[in-house]
C-alpha atoms as a PDB file:
ATOM      1  CA  UNK A   1     193.683  22.590   7.680  1.00  0.00           C
ATOM      2  CA  UNK A   2     196.643  25.017   7.777  1.00  0.00           C
ATOM      3  CA  UNK A   3     195.641  28.711   7.446  1.00  0.00           C
ATOM      4  CA  UNK A   4     197.282  31.564   5.415  1.00  0.00           C
ATOM      5  CA  UNK A   5     197.403  34.863   7.335  1.00  0.00           C
ATOM      6  CA  UNK A   6     199.344  38.155   7.298  1.00  0.00           C
ATOM      7  CA  UNK A   7     202.355  38.684   9.522  1.00  0.00           C
ATOM      8  CA  UNK A   8     205.307  40.904  10.000  1.00  0.00           C
ATOM      9  CA  UNK A   9     208.656  39.370   9.058  1.00  0.00           C
ATOM     10  CA  UNK A  10     212.283  40.538   9.781  1.00  0.00           C
ATOM     11  CA  UNK A  11     213.988  38.966   6.740  1.00  0.00           C
ATOM     12  CA  UNK A  12     217.563  39.750   7.701  1.00  0.00           C
ATOM     13  CA  UNK A  13     219.806  41.752  10.006  1.00  0.00           C
ATOM     14  CA  UNK A  14     218.856  45.422  10.071  1.00  0.00           C
ATOM     15  CA  UNK A  15     216.640  44.943   7.008  1.00  0.00           C
ATOM     16  CA  UNK A  16     213.263  46.774   7.078  1.00  0.00           C
ATOM     17  CA  UNK A  17     210.411  44.566   8.251  1.00  0.00           C
ATOM     18  CA  UNK A  18     207.659  43.610   5.847  1.00  0.00           C
ATOM     19  CA  UNK A  19     204.224  42.173   5.871  1.00  0.00           C
ATOM     20  CA  UNK A  20     204.115  38.645   4.307  1.00  0.00           C
ATOM     21  CA  UNK A  21     201.652  35.799   3.984  1.00  0.00           C
ATOM     22  CA  UNK A  22     202.514  33.122   6.497  1.00  0.00           C
ATOM     23  CA  UNK A  23     201.223  29.601   7.003  1.00  0.00           C
ATOM     24  CA  UNK A  24     199.875  28.655  10.449  1.00  0.00           C
ATOM     25  CA  UNK A  25     199.448  24.833  10.904  1.00  0.00           C
ATOM     26  CA  UNK A  26     196.654  23.201  12.806  1.00  0.00           C
ATOM     27  CA  UNK A  27     197.531  22.799  16.470  1.00  0.00           C
ATOM     28  CA  UNK A  28     199.220  19.609  17.481  1.00  0.00           C
ATOM     29  CA  UNK A  29     199.337  18.034  20.935  1.00  0.00           C
ATOM     30  CA  UNK A  30     199.628  20.707  23.620  1.00  0.00           C
ATOM     31  CA  UNK A  31     199.358  23.577  21.114  1.00  0.00           C
ATOM     32  CA  UNK A  32     196.851  26.310  20.379  1.00  0.00           C
ATOM     33  CA  UNK A  33     196.104  28.681  17.533  1.00  0.00           C
ATOM     34  CA  UNK A  34     195.288  32.267  18.764  1.00  0.00           C
ATOM     35  CA  UNK A  35     193.569  34.886  16.760  1.00  0.00           C
ATOM     36  CA  UNK A  36     195.645  37.996  17.672  1.00  0.00           C
ATOM     37  CA  UNK A  37     193.680  41.064  18.590  1.00  0.00           C
ATOM     38  CA  UNK A  38     196.535  43.346  19.719  1.00  0.00           C
ATOM     39  CA  UNK A  39     200.288  43.235  20.062  1.00  0.00           C
ATOM     40  CA  UNK A  40     202.656  45.833  21.492  1.00  0.00           C
ATOM     41  CA  UNK A  41     205.829  46.922  19.752  1.00  0.00           C
ATOM     42  CA  UNK A  42     208.676  46.043  22.256  1.00  0.00           C
ATOM     43  CA  UNK A  43     212.381  46.917  22.270  1.00  0.00           C
ATOM     44  CA  UNK A  44     213.029  43.087  22.194  1.00  0.00           C
ATOM     45  CA  UNK A  45     211.346  42.949  18.656  1.00  0.00           C
ATOM     46  CA  UNK A  46     213.872  45.554  17.602  1.00  0.00           C
ATOM     47  CA  UNK A  47     216.754  43.532  18.972  1.00  0.00           C
ATOM     48  CA  UNK A  48     215.527  40.532  16.991  1.00  0.00           C
ATOM     49  CA  UNK A  49     215.364  42.700  13.817  1.00  0.00           C
ATOM     50  CA  UNK A  50     218.924  43.987  14.440  1.00  0.00           C
ATOM     51  CA  UNK A  51     220.290  40.430  14.975  1.00  0.00           C
ATOM     52  CA  UNK A  52     221.073  41.162  18.634  1.00  0.00           C
ATOM     53  CA  UNK A  53     219.436  38.031  20.041  1.00  0.00           C
ATOM     54  CA  UNK A  54     220.060  35.206  17.458  1.00  0.00           C
ATOM     55  CA  UNK A  55     220.816  34.999  13.734  1.00  0.00           C
ATOM     56  CA  UNK A  56     217.909  32.598  13.035  1.00  0.00           C
ATOM     57  CA  UNK A  57     216.296  34.790  10.301  1.00  0.00           C
ATOM     58  CA  UNK A  58     213.671  35.226   9.094  1.00  0.00           C
ATOM     59  CA  UNK A  59     211.852  36.114  12.359  1.00  0.00           C
ATOM     60  CA  UNK A  60     208.088  36.363  12.831  1.00  0.00           C
ATOM     61  CA  UNK A  61     208.112  39.398  15.110  1.00  0.00           C
ATOM     62  CA  UNK A  62     205.751  40.390  18.026  1.00  0.00           C
ATOM     63  CA  UNK A  63     205.297  38.753  21.405  1.00  0.00           C
ATOM     64  CA  UNK A  64     203.338  41.263  23.723  1.00  0.00           C
ATOM     65  CA  UNK A  65     199.940  40.166  22.712  1.00  0.00           C
ATOM     66  CA  UNK A  66     196.333  39.270  23.597  1.00  0.00           C
ATOM     67  CA  UNK A  67     193.692  37.529  21.565  1.00  0.00           C
ATOM     68  CA  UNK A  68     191.109  34.793  21.361  1.00  0.00           C
ATOM     69  CA  UNK A  69     191.864  31.021  21.332  1.00  0.00           C
ATOM     70  CA  UNK A  70     190.569  29.693  18.004  1.00  0.00           C
ATOM     71  CA  UNK A  71     191.554  25.987  18.266  1.00  0.00           C
ATOM     72  CA  UNK A  72     193.473  23.677  20.493  1.00  0.00           C
ATOM     73  CA  UNK A  73     195.374  20.347  19.925  1.00  0.00           C
ATOM     74  CA  UNK A  74     195.119  17.106  21.637  1.00  0.00           C
ATOM     75  CA  UNK A  75     195.519  16.968  25.407  1.00  0.00           C
ATOM     76  CA  UNK A  76     194.922  20.688  26.004  1.00  0.00           C
ATOM     77  CA  UNK A  77     192.624  21.280  28.973  1.00  0.00           C
ATOM     78  CA  UNK A  78     193.682  24.615  30.456  1.00  0.00           C
ATOM     79  CA  UNK A  79     192.199  26.742  27.696  1.00  0.00           C
ATOM     80  CA  UNK A  80     189.462  26.224  25.079  1.00  0.00           C
ATOM     81  CA  UNK A  81     188.211  27.999  21.913  1.00  0.00           C
ATOM     82  CA  UNK A  82     186.674  31.323  22.731  1.00  0.00           C
ATOM     83  CA  UNK A  83     188.848  32.141  25.670  1.00  0.00           C
ATOM     84  CA  UNK A  84     190.374  35.595  25.881  1.00  0.00           C
ATOM     85  CA  UNK A  85     194.079  35.181  26.656  1.00  0.00           C
ATOM     86  CA  UNK A  86     197.304  37.017  27.161  1.00  0.00           C
ATOM     87  CA  UNK A  87     200.281  35.281  25.558  1.00  0.00           C
ATOM     88  CA  UNK A  88     203.393  34.706  27.635  1.00  0.00           C
ATOM     89  CA  UNK A  89     206.897  33.491  26.749  1.00  0.00           C
ATOM     90  CA  UNK A  90     207.530  31.487  29.943  1.00  0.00           C
ATOM     91  CA  UNK A  91     205.101  28.539  29.780  1.00  0.00           C
ATOM     92  CA  UNK A  92     206.240  26.665  32.875  1.00  0.00           C
ATOM     93  CA  UNK A  93     207.024  22.948  32.514  1.00  0.00           C
ATOM     94  CA  UNK A  94     206.056  21.797  36.040  1.00  0.00           C
ATOM     95  CA  UNK A  95     208.981  19.220  36.001  1.00  0.00           C
ATOM     96  CA  UNK A  96     212.241  21.048  36.116  1.00  0.00           C
ATOM     97  CA  UNK A  97     214.283  21.594  39.305  1.00  0.00           C
ATOM     98  CA  UNK A  98     212.870  25.109  39.764  1.00  0.00           C
ATOM     99  CA  UNK A  99     209.293  23.974  39.372  1.00  0.00           C
ATOM    100  CA  UNK A 100     209.705  21.095  41.642  1.00  0.00           C
ATOM    101  CA  UNK A 101     211.118  23.357  44.347  1.00  0.00           C
ATOM    102  CA  UNK A 102     208.043  25.454  44.181  1.00  0.00           C
ATOM    103  CA  UNK A 103     209.587  28.276  42.241  1.00  0.00           C
ATOM    104  CA  UNK A 104     207.963  27.955  38.761  1.00  0.00           C
ATOM    105  CA  UNK A 105     208.698  31.624  37.933  1.00  0.00           C
ATOM    106  CA  UNK A 106     212.265  30.525  37.493  1.00  0.00           C
ATOM    107  CA  UNK A 107     211.309  27.555  35.206  1.00  0.00           C
ATOM    108  CA  UNK A 108     214.372  26.399  33.298  1.00  0.00           C
ATOM    109  CA  UNK A 109     212.517  24.353  30.625  1.00  0.00           C
ATOM    110  CA  UNK A 110     209.769  26.500  29.387  1.00  0.00           C
ATOM    111  CA  UNK A 111     207.457  25.319  26.565  1.00  0.00           C
ATOM    112  CA  UNK A 112     206.947  26.542  23.002  1.00  0.00           C
ATOM    113  CA  UNK A 113     204.961  25.088  20.084  1.00  0.00           C
ATOM    114  CA  UNK A 114     206.816  22.170  18.386  1.00  0.00           C
ATOM    115  CA  UNK A 115     205.570  22.962  14.990  1.00  0.00           C
ATOM    116  CA  UNK A 116     206.891  25.793  12.831  1.00  0.00           C
ATOM    117  CA  UNK A 117     204.979  28.550  11.093  1.00  0.00           C
ATOM    118  CA  UNK A 118     206.374  29.128   7.608  1.00  0.00           C
ATOM    119  CA  UNK A 119     206.341  31.438   4.619  1.00  0.00           C
ATOM    120  CA  UNK A 120     204.377  30.245   1.514  1.00  0.00           C
ATOM    121  CA  UNK A 121     207.502  28.712   0.085  1.00  0.00           C
ATOM    122  CA  UNK A 122     208.024  26.554   3.147  1.00  0.00           C
ATOM    123  CA  UNK A 123     210.736  28.682   4.704  1.00  0.00           C
ATOM    124  CA  UNK A 124     210.540  28.110   8.449  1.00  0.00           C
ATOM    125  CA  UNK A 125     210.040  31.168  10.725  1.00  0.00           C
ATOM    126  CA  UNK A 126     211.536  31.800  14.055  1.00  0.00           C
ATOM    127  CA  UNK A 127     208.788  33.309  16.332  1.00  0.00           C
ATOM    128  CA  UNK A 128     209.995  36.069  18.525  1.00  0.00           C
ATOM    129  CA  UNK A 129     210.204  34.675  22.025  1.00  0.00           C
ATOM    130  CA  UNK A 130     208.345  31.618  20.844  1.00  0.00           C
ATOM    131  CA  UNK A 131     205.223  33.657  20.113  1.00  0.00           C
ATOM    132  CA  UNK A 132     205.308  35.635  16.813  1.00  0.00           C
ATOM    133  CA  UNK A 133     202.267  37.754  17.301  1.00  0.00           C
ATOM    134  CA  UNK A 134     202.619  40.481  14.700  1.00  0.00           C
ATOM    135  CA  UNK A 135     200.244  38.293  12.738  1.00  0.00           C
ATOM    136  CA  UNK A 136     196.504  37.775  12.374  1.00  0.00           C
ATOM    137  CA  UNK A 137     196.958  34.342  14.000  1.00  0.00           C
ATOM    138  CA  UNK A 138     199.769  32.593  15.656  1.00  0.00           C
ATOM    139  CA  UNK A 139     200.550  29.086  16.907  1.00  0.00           C
ATOM    140  CA  UNK A 140     201.867  28.724  20.526  1.00  0.00           C
ATOM    141  CA  UNK A 141     202.077  26.116  23.280  1.00  0.00           C
ATOM    142  CA  UNK A 142     198.796  26.124  25.198  1.00  0.00           C
ATOM    143  CA  UNK A 143     200.773  26.945  28.348  1.00  0.00           C
ATOM    144  CA  UNK A 144     201.633  30.266  26.719  1.00  0.00           C
ATOM    145  CA  UNK A 145     197.985  31.243  26.838  1.00  0.00           C
ATOM    146  CA  UNK A 146     196.749  32.802  30.228  1.00  0.00           C
ATOM    147  CA  UNK A 147     193.070  33.321  30.395  1.00  0.00           C
ATOM    148  CA  UNK A 148     191.933  36.763  31.852  1.00  0.00           C
ATOM    149  CA  UNK A 149     188.800  38.801  32.134  1.00  0.00           C
ATOM    150  CA  UNK A 150     187.495  39.533  28.664  1.00  0.00           C
ATOM    151  CA  UNK A 151     186.305  42.963  29.873  1.00  0.00           C
ATOM    152  CA  UNK A 152     189.801  44.237  29.401  1.00  0.00           C
ATOM    153  CA  UNK A 153     190.771  45.929  26.117  1.00  0.00           C
ATOM    154  CA  UNK A 154     193.159  43.700  24.048  1.00  0.00           C
ATOM    155  CA  UNK A 155     195.415  46.652  23.448  1.00  0.00           C
ATOM    156  CA  UNK A 156     195.909  47.112  27.147  1.00  0.00           C
ATOM    157  CA  UNK A 157     195.853  43.486  28.318  1.00  0.00           C
ATOM    158  CA  UNK A 158     198.535  42.413  25.812  1.00  0.00           C
ATOM    159  CA  UNK A 159     201.063  44.762  27.401  1.00  0.00           C
ATOM    160  CA  UNK A 160     201.314  42.422  30.456  1.00  0.00           C
ATOM    161  CA  UNK A 161     202.796  39.810  28.105  1.00  0.00           C
ATOM    162  CA  UNK A 162     206.254  41.578  28.341  1.00  0.00           C
ATOM    163  CA  UNK A 163     207.279  45.028  29.155  1.00  0.00           C
ATOM    164  CA  UNK A 164     204.698  46.105  31.622  1.00  0.00           C
ATOM    165  CA  UNK A 165     204.883  42.772  33.519  1.00  0.00           C
ATOM    166  CA  UNK A 166     208.661  43.048  33.521  1.00  0.00           C
ATOM    167  CA  UNK A 167     208.561  46.420  35.233  1.00  0.00           C
ATOM    168  CA  UNK A 168     205.780  45.779  37.643  1.00  0.00           C
ATOM    169  CA  UNK A 169     207.332  42.358  38.571  1.00  0.00           C
ATOM    170  CA  UNK A 170     210.800  43.959  39.074  1.00  0.00           C
ATOM    171  CA  UNK A 171     209.256  46.096  41.741  1.00  0.00           C
ATOM    172  CA  UNK A 172     206.799  43.742  43.392  1.00  0.00           C
ATOM    173  CA  UNK A 173     208.220  40.281  42.821  1.00  0.00           C
ATOM    174  CA  UNK A 174     211.930  40.732  42.515  1.00  0.00           C
ATOM    175  CA  UNK A 175     212.476  43.946  44.559  1.00  0.00           C
ATOM    176  CA  UNK A 176     209.744  43.074  47.197  1.00  0.00           C
ATOM    177  CA  UNK A 177     208.794  46.724  47.444  1.00  0.00           C
ATOM    178  CA  UNK A 178     206.575  47.259  50.389  1.00  0.00           C
ATOM    179  CA  UNK A 179     204.512  49.880  52.190  1.00  0.00           C
ATOM    180  CA  UNK A 180     206.667  52.910  53.138  1.00  0.00           C
ATOM    181  CA  UNK A 181     209.700  51.899  51.154  1.00  0.00           C
ATOM    182  CA  UNK A 182     211.761  54.307  49.158  1.00  0.00           C
ATOM    183  CA  UNK A 183     212.453  53.315  45.514  1.00  0.00           C
ATOM    184  CA  UNK A 184     214.529  54.834  42.739  1.00  0.00           C
ATOM    185  CA  UNK A 185     214.003  53.735  39.129  1.00  0.00           C
ATOM    186  CA  UNK A 186     216.736  54.448  36.553  1.00  0.00           C
ATOM    187  CA  UNK A 187     215.381  54.742  33.033  1.00  0.00           C
ATOM    188  CA  UNK A 188     211.798  55.836  32.419  1.00  0.00           C
ATOM    189  CA  UNK A 189     210.751  54.026  29.254  1.00  0.00           C
ATOM    190  CA  UNK A 190     207.956  51.528  29.284  1.00  0.00           C
ATOM    191  CA  UNK A 191     209.638  49.062  31.672  1.00  0.00           C
ATOM    192  CA  UNK A 192     210.823  51.736  34.009  1.00  0.00           C
ATOM    193  CA  UNK A 193     207.455  53.373  34.158  1.00  0.00           C
ATOM    194  CA  UNK A 194     205.880  50.026  34.838  1.00  0.00           C
ATOM    195  CA  UNK A 195     208.311  49.589  37.735  1.00  0.00           C
ATOM    196  CA  UNK A 196     207.156  53.023  39.019  1.00  0.00           C
ATOM    197  CA  UNK A 197     203.543  52.013  38.656  1.00  0.00           C
ATOM    198  CA  UNK A 198     204.269  48.671  40.475  1.00  0.00           C
ATOM    199  CA  UNK A 199     206.067  50.536  43.332  1.00  0.00           C
ATOM    200  CA  UNK A 200     203.096  52.843  43.652  1.00  0.00           C
ATOM    201  CA  UNK A 201     200.710  49.823  43.721  1.00  0.00           C
ATOM    202  CA  UNK A 202     202.840  48.221  46.463  1.00  0.00           C
ATOM    203  CA  UNK A 203     202.640  51.343  48.700  1.00  0.00           C
ATOM    204  CA  UNK A 204     206.065  52.777  48.333  1.00  0.00           C
ATOM    205  CA  UNK A 205     206.271  56.217  50.146  1.00  0.00           C
ATOM    206  CA  UNK A 206     208.822  57.755  47.894  1.00  0.00           C
ATOM    207  CA  UNK A 207     209.366  56.906  44.251  1.00  0.00           C
ATOM    208  CA  UNK A 208     212.265  58.577  42.485  1.00  0.00           C
ATOM    209  CA  UNK A 209     212.335  58.602  38.724  1.00  0.00           C
ATOM    210  CA  UNK A 210     215.729  59.027  36.983  1.00  0.00           C
ATOM    211  CA  UNK A 211     216.260  59.741  33.185  1.00  0.00           C
ATOM    212  CA  UNK A 212     218.089  62.093  30.897  1.00  0.00           C
ATOM    213  CA  UNK A 213     214.907  63.138  28.987  1.00  0.00           C
ATOM    214  CA  UNK A 214     212.528  65.647  30.768  1.00  0.00           C
ATOM    215  CA  UNK A 215     209.646  64.331  28.590  1.00  0.00           C
ATOM    216  CA  UNK A 216     210.016  60.895  30.089  1.00  0.00           C
ATOM    217  CA  UNK A 217     210.397  62.309  33.676  1.00  0.00           C
ATOM    218  CA  UNK A 218     207.074  64.197  33.142  1.00  0.00           C
ATOM    219  CA  UNK A 219     205.378  60.906  32.135  1.00  0.00           C
ATOM    220  CA  UNK A 220     206.955  59.172  35.139  1.00  0.00           C
ATOM    221  CA  UNK A 221     205.187  61.661  37.349  1.00  0.00           C
ATOM    222  CA  UNK A 222     201.816  60.556  35.849  1.00  0.00           C
ATOM    223  CA  UNK A 223     202.766  56.915  36.543  1.00  0.00           C
ATOM    224  CA  UNK A 224     203.267  57.637  40.264  1.00  0.00           C
ATOM    225  CA  UNK A 225     206.756  59.072  40.686  1.00  0.00           C
ATOM    226  CA  UNK A 226     206.985  61.460  43.675  1.00  0.00           C
ATOM    227  CA  UNK A 227     210.367  62.915  42.617  1.00  0.00           C
ATOM    228  CA  UNK A 228     212.377  63.185  39.424  1.00  0.00           C
ATOM    229  CA  UNK A 229     215.949  63.563  38.636  1.00  0.00           C
ATOM    230  CA  UNK A 230     217.491  64.455  35.283  1.00  0.00           C
ATOM    231  CA  UNK A 231     220.796  62.616  35.460  1.00  0.00           C
ATOM    232  CA  UNK A 232     222.248  64.543  32.605  1.00  0.00           C
ATOM    233  CA  UNK A 233     222.168  67.625  34.881  1.00  0.00           C
ATOM    234  CA  UNK A 234     222.584  66.171  38.402  1.00  0.00           C
ATOM    235  CA  UNK A 235     224.600  63.299  39.907  1.00  0.00           C
ATOM    236  CA  UNK A 236     221.841  60.824  40.486  1.00  0.00           C
ATOM    237  CA  UNK A 237     223.552  59.042  43.366  1.00  0.00           C
ATOM    238  CA  UNK A 238     223.922  62.154  45.342  1.00  0.00           C
ATOM    239  CA  UNK A 239     220.401  63.394  44.408  1.00  0.00           C
ATOM    240  CA  UNK A 240     218.840  60.038  45.630  1.00  0.00           C
ATOM    241  CA  UNK A 241     220.769  60.270  48.828  1.00  0.00           C
ATOM    242  CA  UNK A 242     219.694  63.840  49.406  1.00  0.00           C
ATOM    243  CA  UNK A 243     215.996  62.756  48.826  1.00  0.00           C
ATOM    244  CA  UNK A 244     216.435  59.887  51.309  1.00  0.00           C
ATOM    245  CA  UNK A 245     217.923  61.560  54.362  1.00  0.00           C
ATOM    246  CA  UNK A 246     221.533  60.854  53.129  1.00  0.00           C
ATOM    247  CA  UNK A 247     221.005  57.051  53.148  1.00  0.00           C
ATOM    248  CA  UNK A 248     219.934  55.951  49.678  1.00  0.00           C
ATOM    249  CA  UNK A 249     216.801  54.203  48.542  1.00  0.00           C
ATOM    250  CA  UNK A 250     215.612  50.907  49.893  1.00  0.00           C
ATOM    251  CA  UNK A 251     215.230  49.465  46.389  1.00  0.00           C
ATOM    252  CA  UNK A 252     216.874  50.762  43.185  1.00  0.00           C
ATOM    253  CA  UNK A 253     215.699  49.417  39.838  1.00  0.00           C
ATOM    254  CA  UNK A 254     217.948  49.682  36.759  1.00  0.00           C
ATOM    255  CA  UNK A 255     215.647  49.647  33.747  1.00  0.00           C
ATOM    256  CA  UNK A 256     218.534  50.544  31.427  1.00  0.00           C
ATOM    257  CA  UNK A 257     221.026  47.722  31.762  1.00  0.00           C
ATOM    258  CA  UNK A 258     224.317  49.448  31.177  1.00  0.00           C
ATOM    259  CA  UNK A 259     227.469  49.304  33.469  1.00  0.00           C
ATOM    260  CA  UNK A 260     227.231  52.941  34.288  1.00  0.00           C
ATOM    261  CA  UNK A 261     223.582  52.832  35.335  1.00  0.00           C
ATOM    262  CA  UNK A 262     224.202  49.651  37.288  1.00  0.00           C
ATOM    263  CA  UNK A 263     226.965  51.407  39.310  1.00  0.00           C
ATOM    264  CA  UNK A 264     224.543  54.314  39.956  1.00  0.00           C
ATOM    265  CA  UNK A 265     221.945  51.833  41.268  1.00  0.00           C
ATOM    266  CA  UNK A 266     224.561  50.073  43.351  1.00  0.00           C
ATOM    267  CA  UNK A 267     225.672  53.262  45.116  1.00  0.00           C
ATOM    268  CA  UNK A 268     222.285  54.927  45.297  1.00  0.00           C
ATOM    269  CA  UNK A 269     220.814  52.229  47.523  1.00  0.00           C
ATOM    270  CA  UNK A 270     220.775  52.234  51.230  1.00  0.00           C
ATOM    271  CA  UNK A 271     222.998  49.871  53.187  1.00  0.00           C
ATOM    272  CA  UNK A 272     221.418  46.393  53.061  1.00  0.00           C
ATOM    273  CA  UNK A 273     219.216  47.724  50.249  1.00  0.00           C
ATOM    274  CA  UNK A 274     218.332  45.921  46.985  1.00  0.00           C
ATOM    275  CA  UNK A 275     219.406  46.491  43.463  1.00  0.00           C
ATOM    276  CA  UNK A 276     217.248  44.990  40.709  1.00  0.00           C
ATOM    277  CA  UNK A 277     218.593  44.709  37.132  1.00  0.00           C
ATOM    278  CA  UNK A 278     215.664  44.500  34.702  1.00  0.00           C
ATOM    279  CA  UNK A 279     217.240  46.413  31.715  1.00  0.00           C
ATOM    280  CA  UNK A 280     218.940  43.942  29.413  1.00  0.00           C
ATOM    281  CA  UNK A 281     222.708  44.320  28.826  1.00  0.00           C
ATOM    282  CA  UNK A 282     224.418  43.441  25.570  1.00  0.00           C
ATOM    283  CA  UNK A 283     227.034  40.672  25.450  1.00  0.00           C
ATOM    284  CA  UNK A 284     230.140  42.908  25.369  1.00  0.00           C
ATOM    285  CA  UNK A 285     229.327  44.851  28.464  1.00  0.00           C
ATOM    286  CA  UNK A 286     231.488  44.312  31.562  1.00  0.00           C
ATOM    287  CA  UNK A 287     231.005  45.525  35.219  1.00  0.00           C
ATOM    288  CA  UNK A 288     233.753  46.311  37.658  1.00  0.00           C
ATOM    289  CA  UNK A 289     232.988  47.029  41.312  1.00  0.00           C
ATOM    290  CA  UNK A 290     235.311  46.973  44.359  1.00  0.00           C
ATOM    291  CA  UNK A 291     234.598  43.617  45.993  1.00  0.00           C
ATOM    292  CA  UNK A 292     234.910  45.287  49.440  1.00  0.00           C
ATOM    293  CA  UNK A 293     232.010  47.614  48.566  1.00  0.00           C
ATOM    294  CA  UNK A 294     229.839  44.658  47.553  1.00  0.00           C
ATOM    295  CA  UNK A 295     230.675  42.994  50.763  1.00  0.00           C
ATOM    296  CA  UNK A 296     230.426  46.145  52.994  1.00  0.00           C
ATOM    297  CA  UNK A 297     227.130  47.440  51.653  1.00  0.00           C
ATOM    298  CA  UNK A 298     225.308  44.142  52.142  1.00  0.00           C
ATOM    299  CA  UNK A 299     221.852  43.714  50.829  1.00  0.00           C
ATOM    300  CA  UNK A 300     220.799  42.018  47.589  1.00  0.00           C
ATOM    301  CA  UNK A 301     221.919  42.316  43.955  1.00  0.00           C
ATOM    302  CA  UNK A 302     219.184  40.734  41.833  1.00  0.00           C
ATOM    303  CA  UNK A 303     218.348  40.237  38.183  1.00  0.00           C
ATOM    304  CA  UNK A 304     214.654  40.166  37.229  1.00  0.00           C
ATOM    305  CA  UNK A 305     213.605  37.655  34.514  1.00  0.00           C
ATOM    306  CA  UNK A 306     210.270  38.729  33.135  1.00  0.00           C
ATOM    307  CA  UNK A 307     209.504  40.360  36.419  1.00  0.00           C
ATOM    308  CA  UNK A 308     209.919  36.972  38.107  1.00  0.00           C
ATOM    309  CA  UNK A 309     206.252  36.549  37.154  1.00  0.00           C
ATOM    310  CA  UNK A 310     204.095  33.486  37.156  1.00  0.00           C
ATOM    311  CA  UNK A 311     201.558  34.295  34.396  1.00  0.00           C
ATOM    312  CA  UNK A 312     198.735  32.150  35.787  1.00  0.00           C
ATOM    313  CA  UNK A 313     198.993  34.080  39.055  1.00  0.00           C
ATOM    314  CA  UNK A 314     199.941  37.566  37.956  1.00  0.00           C
ATOM    315  CA  UNK A 315     198.166  38.260  34.766  1.00  0.00           C
ATOM    316  CA  UNK A 316     194.595  37.790  36.045  1.00  0.00           C
ATOM    317  CA  UNK A 317     195.405  39.721  39.271  1.00  0.00           C
ATOM    318  CA  UNK A 318     196.738  42.647  37.431  1.00  0.00           C
ATOM    319  CA  UNK A 319     193.845  42.744  34.896  1.00  0.00           C
ATOM    320  CA  UNK A 320     191.466  42.725  37.828  1.00  0.00           C
ATOM    321  CA  UNK A 321     193.351  45.666  39.431  1.00  0.00           C
ATOM    322  CA  UNK A 322     193.195  47.482  36.080  1.00  0.00           C
ATOM    323  CA  UNK A 323     189.443  46.892  35.805  1.00  0.00           C
ATOM    324  CA  UNK A 324     188.927  48.074  39.328  1.00  0.00           C
ATOM    325  CA  UNK A 325     190.734  51.341  38.440  1.00  0.00           C
ATOM    326  CA  UNK A 326     193.674  50.758  40.709  1.00  0.00           C
ATOM    327  CA  UNK A 327     196.261  50.169  37.837  1.00  0.00           C
ATOM    328  CA  UNK A 328     196.082  52.332  34.796  1.00  0.00           C
ATOM    329  CA  UNK A 329     197.458  50.022  32.101  1.00  0.00           C
ATOM    330  CA  UNK A 330     195.877  52.184  29.387  1.00  0.00           C
ATOM    331  CA  UNK A 331     198.373  54.922  30.217  1.00  0.00           C
ATOM    332  CA  UNK A 332     201.089  52.865  28.569  1.00  0.00           C
ATOM    333  CA  UNK A 333     199.409  52.798  25.123  1.00  0.00           C
ATOM    334  CA  UNK A 334     200.685  55.840  23.184  1.00  0.00           C
ATOM    335  CA  UNK A 335     199.182  54.890  19.824  1.00  0.00           C
ATOM    336  CA  UNK A 336     197.439  52.116  18.044  1.00  0.00           C
ATOM    337  CA  UNK A 337     198.722  51.158  14.601  1.00  0.00           C
ATOM    338  CA  UNK A 338     198.274  48.633  11.727  1.00  0.00           C
ATOM    339  CA  UNK A 339     200.574  45.717  10.755  1.00  0.00           C
ATOM    340  CA  UNK A 340     202.209  47.691   7.939  1.00  0.00           C
ATOM    341  CA  UNK A 341     203.268  50.496  10.412  1.00  0.00           C
ATOM    342  CA  UNK A 342     205.616  48.444  12.533  1.00  0.00           C
ATOM    343  CA  UNK A 343     208.761  49.793  10.847  1.00  0.00           C
ATOM    344  CA  UNK A 344     207.732  53.366  11.571  1.00  0.00           C
ATOM    345  CA  UNK A 345     206.916  52.427  15.171  1.00  0.00           C
ATOM    346  CA  UNK A 346     210.554  51.144  15.600  1.00  0.00           C
ATOM    347  CA  UNK A 347     211.671  54.664  14.381  1.00  0.00           C
ATOM    348  CA  UNK A 348     209.383  56.323  16.930  1.00  0.00           C
ATOM    349  CA  UNK A 349     210.617  54.034  19.661  1.00  0.00           C
ATOM    350  CA  UNK A 350     214.272  54.829  18.785  1.00  0.00           C
ATOM    351  CA  UNK A 351     213.487  58.617  19.066  1.00  0.00           C
ATOM    352  CA  UNK A 352     211.823  58.127  22.535  1.00  0.00           C
ATOM    353  CA  UNK A 353     208.506  59.473  21.252  1.00  0.00           C
ATOM    354  CA  UNK A 354     206.283  56.603  22.580  1.00  0.00           C
ATOM    355  CA  UNK A 355     205.886  54.319  25.596  1.00  0.00           C
ATOM    356  CA  UNK A 356     204.084  51.710  23.500  1.00  0.00           C
ATOM    357  CA  UNK A 357     202.764  51.515  19.934  1.00  0.00           C
ATOM    358  CA  UNK A 358     200.241  48.747  19.756  1.00  0.00           C
ATOM    359  CA  UNK A 359     199.290  46.852  16.678  1.00  0.00           C
ATOM    360  CA  UNK A 360     195.511  46.340  16.601  1.00  0.00           C
ATOM    361  CA  UNK A 361     194.156  43.679  14.343  1.00  0.00           C
END
């Protein structure tokens, strides 16, 4: 039987979100219904609300979530009712050219639920990133459910579903940060701070946090930054070089995603160093660099999709590290809120007052 639950809807471009009754169908083949326990408020949800991703309104927002599997459809064997899971938006197919080459973190044919959740009048909803977890329950593909240790708090565990995983993965998976490396991170919001935490976890010797907000730089120190640079007051490229013997950092992570910050990352790295772009640009942005500099500086220029993570590998490992006290995921949770407070959470996010607001159900 289909179920009626509450969920947060973005009805149209830049319209305030509202709580509506939504209809969640029984899971079909390969699908699962998850009772959502917590879901973080991510910038990507705001982009959906603003029409910056697609115009397929109305959206059911929320994607950074953890909860309990309630029911599964035909053929589902990887999870079962009662499992505590983190939801992910890259359920690998196992059959595309990336998967068959042994690189499933690049999967080009990821799975979502085939059925649609709807409003009471039958209007189909577009779930954010194929998840739609600002709701009491949601329908997903079973491959979007990653089972982890239930000892973890849902409010903490769910953050691995997007922003925190993106940052940690940008450092560890994409940037290959290793013991003794120097790392610079541009932009100290949730993703940037996660990249700092990931670099610290990987054993980086020097972690340089760069932002224009002293409050964020102070938080970055708590996440593991050894040095901070306010780029409103100081040229970040020169400051990074000064802190690294005049050479530049081994890895520079751009967690902002603007042409000017990418250029800073490009020139703040050492020769043969690595630039990782994890901040998401907008469609109109263009980048211009002297091709001779691209050639002459060598190294790698990489983009990080979802931290190049493999949820089945990375989520359980990071939850275990958190439970061992080696990765403080709780530090990312600024506040917990209710479903009807999501619009206010977007305002606080815009003002830079929070790392993460987390809806707890």
